[in-house]
PDB file of N, CA and C in Angstrom:
ATOM      1  N   MET A   1     -15.376  -3.216 -10.749  1.00  0.00           N
ATOM      2  CA  MET A   1     -14.463  -4.171 -10.171  1.00  0.00           C
ATOM      3  C   MET A   1     -13.283  -3.395  -9.584  1.00  0.00           C
ATOM      4  N   GLN A   2     -12.882  -3.775  -8.396  1.00  0.00           N
ATOM      5  CA  GLN A   2     -11.727  -3.159  -7.754  1.00  0.00           C
ATOM      6  C   GLN A   2     -10.541  -4.107  -7.829  1.00  0.00           C
ATOM      7  N   ILE A   3      -9.357  -3.525  -8.021  1.00  0.00           N
ATOM      8  CA  ILE A   3      -8.143  -4.327  -8.147  1.00  0.00           C
ATOM      9  C   ILE A   3      -7.122  -3.854  -7.128  1.00  0.00           C
ATOM     10  N   ASP A   4      -6.611  -4.797  -6.330  1.00  0.00           N
ATOM     11  CA  ASP A   4      -5.571  -4.512  -5.353  1.00  0.00           C
ATOM     12  C   ASP A   4      -4.222  -4.980  -5.887  1.00  0.00           C
ATOM     13  N   ALA A   5      -3.159  -4.403  -5.332  1.00  0.00           N
ATOM     14  CA  ALA A   5      -1.811  -4.781  -5.733  1.00  0.00           C
ATOM     15  C   ALA A   5      -1.004  -5.127  -4.489  1.00  0.00           C
ATOM     16  N   PRO A   6      -0.120  -6.103  -4.581  1.00  0.00           N
ATOM     17  CA  PRO A   6       0.739  -6.428  -3.443  1.00  0.00           C
ATOM     18  C   PRO A   6       1.919  -5.462  -3.366  1.00  0.00           C
ATOM     19  N   ILE A   7       2.354  -5.171  -2.156  1.00  0.00           N
ATOM     20  CA  ILE A   7       3.571  -4.381  -1.963  1.00  0.00           C
ATOM     21  C   ILE A   7       4.461  -5.108  -0.962  1.00  0.00           C
ATOM     22  N   ALA A   8       5.745  -4.778  -1.009  1.00  0.00           N
ATOM     23  CA  ALA A   8       6.707  -5.363  -0.081  1.00  0.00           C
ATOM     24  C   ALA A   8       6.714  -4.565   1.222  1.00  0.00           C
ATOM     25  N   ALA A   9       7.154  -5.175   2.299  1.00  0.00           N
ATOM     26  CA  ALA A   9       7.184  -4.532   3.610  1.00  0.00           C
ATOM     27  C   ALA A   9       8.419  -3.668   3.826  1.00  0.00           C
ATOM     28  N   ASP A  10       9.180  -3.409   2.776  1.00  0.00           N
ATOM     29  CA  ASP A  10      10.388  -2.581   2.863  1.00  0.00           C
ATOM     30  C   ASP A  10       9.987  -1.137   3.167  1.00  0.00           C
ATOM     31  N   LEU A  11      10.243  -0.685   4.386  1.00  0.00           N
ATOM     32  CA  LEU A  11       9.779   0.636   4.825  1.00  0.00           C
ATOM     33  C   LEU A  11      10.346   1.779   3.997  1.00  0.00           C
ATOM     34  N   SER A  12      11.516   1.600   3.421  1.00  0.00           N
ATOM     35  CA  SER A  12      12.123   2.682   2.639  1.00  0.00           C
ATOM     36  C   SER A  12      11.455   2.879   1.285  1.00  0.00           C
ATOM     37  N   SER A  13      10.676   1.901   0.823  1.00  0.00           N
ATOM     38  CA  SER A  13      10.057   2.030  -0.499  1.00  0.00           C
ATOM     39  C   SER A  13       8.533   1.989  -0.478  1.00  0.00           C
ATOM     40  N   VAL A  14       7.936   1.828   0.671  1.00  0.00           N
ATOM     41  CA  VAL A  14       6.475   1.708   0.758  1.00  0.00           C
ATOM     42  C   VAL A  14       5.792   2.958   0.214  1.00  0.00           C
ATOM     43  N   ALA A  15       6.216   4.129   0.623  1.00  0.00           N
ATOM     44  CA  ALA A  15       5.556   5.373   0.196  1.00  0.00           C
ATOM     45  C   ALA A  15       5.652   5.547  -1.316  1.00  0.00           C
ATOM     46  N   ILE A  16       6.822   5.329  -1.879  1.00  0.00           N
ATOM     47  CA  ILE A  16       7.021   5.485  -3.323  1.00  0.00           C
ATOM     48  C   ILE A  16       6.161   4.490  -4.092  1.00  0.00           C
ATOM     49  N   ASN A  17       6.166   3.240  -3.656  1.00  0.00           N
ATOM     50  CA  ASN A  17       5.381   2.214  -4.346  1.00  0.00           C
ATOM     51  C   ASN A  17       3.880   2.471  -4.222  1.00  0.00           C
ATOM     52  N   ALA A  18       3.439   2.919  -3.071  1.00  0.00           N
ATOM     53  CA  ALA A  18       2.011   3.202  -2.881  1.00  0.00           C
ATOM     54  C   ALA A  18       1.562   4.340  -3.792  1.00  0.00           C
ATOM     55  N   LYS A  19       2.365   5.397  -3.880  1.00  0.00           N
ATOM     56  CA  LYS A  19       2.031   6.513  -4.764  1.00  0.00           C
ATOM     57  C   LYS A  19       1.992   6.055  -6.220  1.00  0.00           C
ATOM     58  N   ARG A  20       2.952   5.253  -6.613  1.00  0.00           N
ATOM     59  CA  ARG A  20       3.030   4.765  -7.993  1.00  0.00           C
ATOM     60  C   ARG A  20       1.802   3.918  -8.338  1.00  0.00           C
ATOM     61  N   LEU A  21       1.447   3.015  -7.438  1.00  0.00           N
ATOM     62  CA  LEU A  21       0.296   2.150  -7.683  1.00  0.00           C
ATOM     63  C   LEU A  21      -1.012   2.939  -7.717  1.00  0.00           C
ATOM     64  N   GLU A  22      -1.110   3.965  -6.884  1.00  0.00           N
ATOM     65  CA  GLU A  22      -2.302   4.811  -6.909  1.00  0.00           C
ATOM     66  C   GLU A  22      -2.408   5.539  -8.253  1.00  0.00           C
ATOM     67  N   LYS A  23      -1.296   6.074  -8.742  1.00  0.00           N
ATOM     68  CA  LYS A  23      -1.311   6.752 -10.042  1.00  0.00           C
ATOM     69  C   LYS A  23      -1.660   5.795 -11.177  1.00  0.00           C
ATOM     70  N   LEU A  24      -1.292   4.525 -11.041  1.00  0.00           N
ATOM     71  CA  LEU A  24      -1.611   3.533 -12.059  1.00  0.00           C
ATOM     72  C   LEU A  24      -3.082   3.101 -12.018  1.00  0.00           C
ATOM     73  N   GLY A  25      -3.804   3.503 -10.962  1.00  0.00           N
ATOM     74  CA  GLY A  25      -5.232   3.229 -10.884  1.00  0.00           C
ATOM     75  C   GLY A  25      -5.645   2.063 -10.001  1.00  0.00           C
ATOM     76  N   TYR A  26      -4.718   1.511  -9.228  1.00  0.00           N
ATOM     77  CA  TYR A  26      -5.093   0.420  -8.329  1.00  0.00           C
ATOM     78  C   TYR A  26      -5.981   0.954  -7.216  1.00  0.00           C
ATOM     79  N   ASP A  27      -6.891   0.107  -6.738  1.00  0.00           N
ATOM     80  CA  ASP A  27      -7.856   0.512  -5.717  1.00  0.00           C
ATOM     81  C   ASP A  27      -7.389   0.250  -4.291  1.00  0.00           C
ATOM     82  N   GLY A  28      -6.441  -0.639  -4.112  1.00  0.00           N
ATOM     83  CA  GLY A  28      -5.983  -0.970  -2.776  1.00  0.00           C
ATOM     84  C   GLY A  28      -4.643  -1.676  -2.801  1.00  0.00           C
ATOM     85  N   LEU A  29      -4.096  -1.867  -1.615  1.00  0.00           N
ATOM     86  CA  LEU A  29      -2.803  -2.532  -1.459  1.00  0.00           C
ATOM     87  C   LEU A  29      -2.951  -3.738  -0.548  1.00  0.00           C
ATOM     88  N   ARG A  30      -2.129  -4.742  -0.786  1.00  0.00           N
ATOM     89  CA  ARG A  30      -2.078  -5.928   0.071  1.00  0.00           C
ATOM     90  C   ARG A  30      -0.647  -6.103   0.549  1.00  0.00           C
ATOM     91  N   LEU A  31      -0.514  -6.597   1.754  1.00  0.00           N
ATOM     92  CA  LEU A  31       0.801  -6.852   2.324  1.00  0.00           C
ATOM     93  C   LEU A  31       0.734  -8.154   3.109  1.00  0.00           C
ATOM     94  N   ALA A  32       1.634  -9.071   2.817  1.00  0.00           N
ATOM     95  CA  ALA A  32       1.644 -10.366   3.507  1.00  0.00           C
ATOM     96  C   ALA A  32       2.062 -10.197   4.964  1.00  0.00           C
ATOM     97  N   GLU A  33       1.469 -10.979   5.834  1.00  0.00           N
ATOM     98  CA  GLU A  33       1.781 -10.943   7.262  1.00  0.00           C
ATOM     99  C   GLU A  33       2.757 -12.054   7.632  1.00  0.00           C
ATOM    100  N   THR A  34       3.698 -12.352   6.777  1.00  0.00           N
ATOM    101  CA  THR A  34       4.562 -13.504   7.008  1.00  0.00           C
ATOM    102  C   THR A  34       5.652 -13.253   8.041  1.00  0.00           C
ATOM    103  N   ASN A  35       6.530 -12.300   7.799  1.00  0.00           N
ATOM    104  CA  ASN A  35       7.660 -12.082   8.708  1.00  0.00           C
ATOM    105  C   ASN A  35       7.543 -10.814   9.544  1.00  0.00           C
ATOM    106  N   HIS A  36       6.656  -9.909   9.126  1.00  0.00           N
ATOM    107  CA  HIS A  36       6.572  -8.613   9.791  1.00  0.00           C
ATOM    108  C   HIS A  36       5.123  -8.238  10.042  1.00  0.00           C
ATOM    109  N   ASP A  37       4.922  -7.359  10.995  1.00  0.00           N
ATOM    110  CA  ASP A  37       3.606  -6.797  11.252  1.00  0.00           C
ATOM    111  C   ASP A  37       3.243  -5.896  10.069  1.00  0.00           C
ATOM    112  N   PRO A  38       2.102  -6.070   9.442  1.00  0.00           N
ATOM    113  CA  PRO A  38       1.766  -5.304   8.245  1.00  0.00           C
ATOM    114  C   PRO A  38       1.263  -3.890   8.520  1.00  0.00           C
ATOM    115  N   PHE A  39       0.969  -3.547   9.767  1.00  0.00           N
ATOM    116  CA  PHE A  39       0.301  -2.290  10.036  1.00  0.00           C
ATOM    117  C   PHE A  39       1.174  -1.057   9.836  1.00  0.00           C
ATOM    118  N   LEU A  40       2.437  -1.085  10.185  1.00  0.00           N
ATOM    119  CA  LEU A  40       3.295   0.084   9.981  1.00  0.00           C
ATOM    120  C   LEU A  40       3.483   0.384   8.498  1.00  0.00           C
ATOM    121  N   PRO A  41       3.844  -0.592   7.662  1.00  0.00           N
ATOM    122  CA  PRO A  41       3.963  -0.281   6.227  1.00  0.00           C
ATOM    123  C   PRO A  41       2.648   0.205   5.613  1.00  0.00           C
ATOM    124  N   LEU A  42       1.521  -0.378   6.009  1.00  0.00           N
ATOM    125  CA  LEU A  42       0.247   0.063   5.465  1.00  0.00           C
ATOM    126  C   LEU A  42      -0.129   1.457   5.963  1.00  0.00           C
ATOM    127  N   THR A  43       0.270   1.805   7.180  1.00  0.00           N
ATOM    128  CA  THR A  43       0.043   3.160   7.686  1.00  0.00           C
ATOM    129  C   THR A  43       0.853   4.169   6.886  1.00  0.00           C
ATOM    130  N   ILE A  44       2.091   3.834   6.571  1.00  0.00           N
ATOM    131  CA  ILE A  44       2.933   4.710   5.747  1.00  0.00           C
ATOM    132  C   ILE A  44       2.309   4.875   4.366  1.00  0.00           C
ATOM    133  N   ALA A  45       1.831   3.782   3.782  1.00  0.00           N
ATOM    134  CA  ALA A  45       1.187   3.854   2.470  1.00  0.00           C
ATOM    135  C   ALA A  45      -0.045   4.752   2.521  1.00  0.00           C
ATOM    136  N   ALA A  46      -0.848   4.620   3.561  1.00  0.00           N
ATOM    137  CA  ALA A  46      -2.060   5.435   3.701  1.00  0.00           C
ATOM    138  C   ALA A  46      -1.720   6.906   3.857  1.00  0.00           C
ATOM    139  N   GLU A  47      -0.627   7.192   4.546  1.00  0.00           N
ATOM    140  CA  GLU A  47      -0.207   8.576   4.766  1.00  0.00           C
ATOM    141  C   GLU A  47       0.191   9.263   3.456  1.00  0.00           C
ATOM    142  N   HIS A  48       0.670   8.500   2.504  1.00  0.00           N
ATOM    143  CA  HIS A  48       1.183   9.072   1.254  1.00  0.00           C
ATOM    144  C   HIS A  48       0.255   8.903   0.056  1.00  0.00           C
ATOM    145  N   THR A  49      -0.975   8.454   0.294  1.00  0.00           N
ATOM    146  CA  THR A  49      -1.960   8.315  -0.780  1.00  0.00           C
ATOM    147  C   THR A  49      -3.256   8.993  -0.352  1.00  0.00           C
ATOM    148  N   SER A  50      -4.174   9.113  -1.287  1.00  0.00           N
ATOM    149  CA  SER A  50      -5.454   9.748  -0.944  1.00  0.00           C
ATOM    150  C   SER A  50      -6.321   8.776  -0.154  1.00  0.00           C
ATOM    151  N   ALA A  51      -7.082   9.309   0.760  1.00  0.00           N
ATOM    152  CA  ALA A  51      -7.936   8.460   1.602  1.00  0.00           C
ATOM    153  C   ALA A  51      -9.282   8.285   0.919  1.00  0.00           C
ATOM    154  N   GLN A  52      -9.666   7.025   0.727  1.00  0.00           N
ATOM    155  CA  GLN A  52     -10.964   6.705   0.151  1.00  0.00           C
ATOM    156  C   GLN A  52     -11.541   5.521   0.899  1.00  0.00           C
ATOM    157  N   THR A  53     -12.817   5.584   1.178  1.00  0.00           N
ATOM    158  CA  THR A  53     -13.481   4.441   1.807  1.00  0.00           C
ATOM    159  C   THR A  53     -14.563   3.932   0.874  1.00  0.00           C
ATOM    160  N   THR A  54     -14.806   2.635   0.944  1.00  0.00           N
ATOM    161  CA  THR A  54     -15.844   2.060   0.086  1.00  0.00           C
ATOM    162  C   THR A  54     -16.905   1.399   0.924  1.00  0.00           C
TER     163      THR A  54
END
């Protein structure tokens, strides 16, 4: 079973939160598309974590 975690779109904390969640063992991240485009924060998260495809 894979477990994803939500993160906030705050660009100043995306990298830190993504690294922390990866160390905790989460398999993926989710970001709401409510007020902001989710692609930049998710790109930052991907840049600071290991790349894995399933």
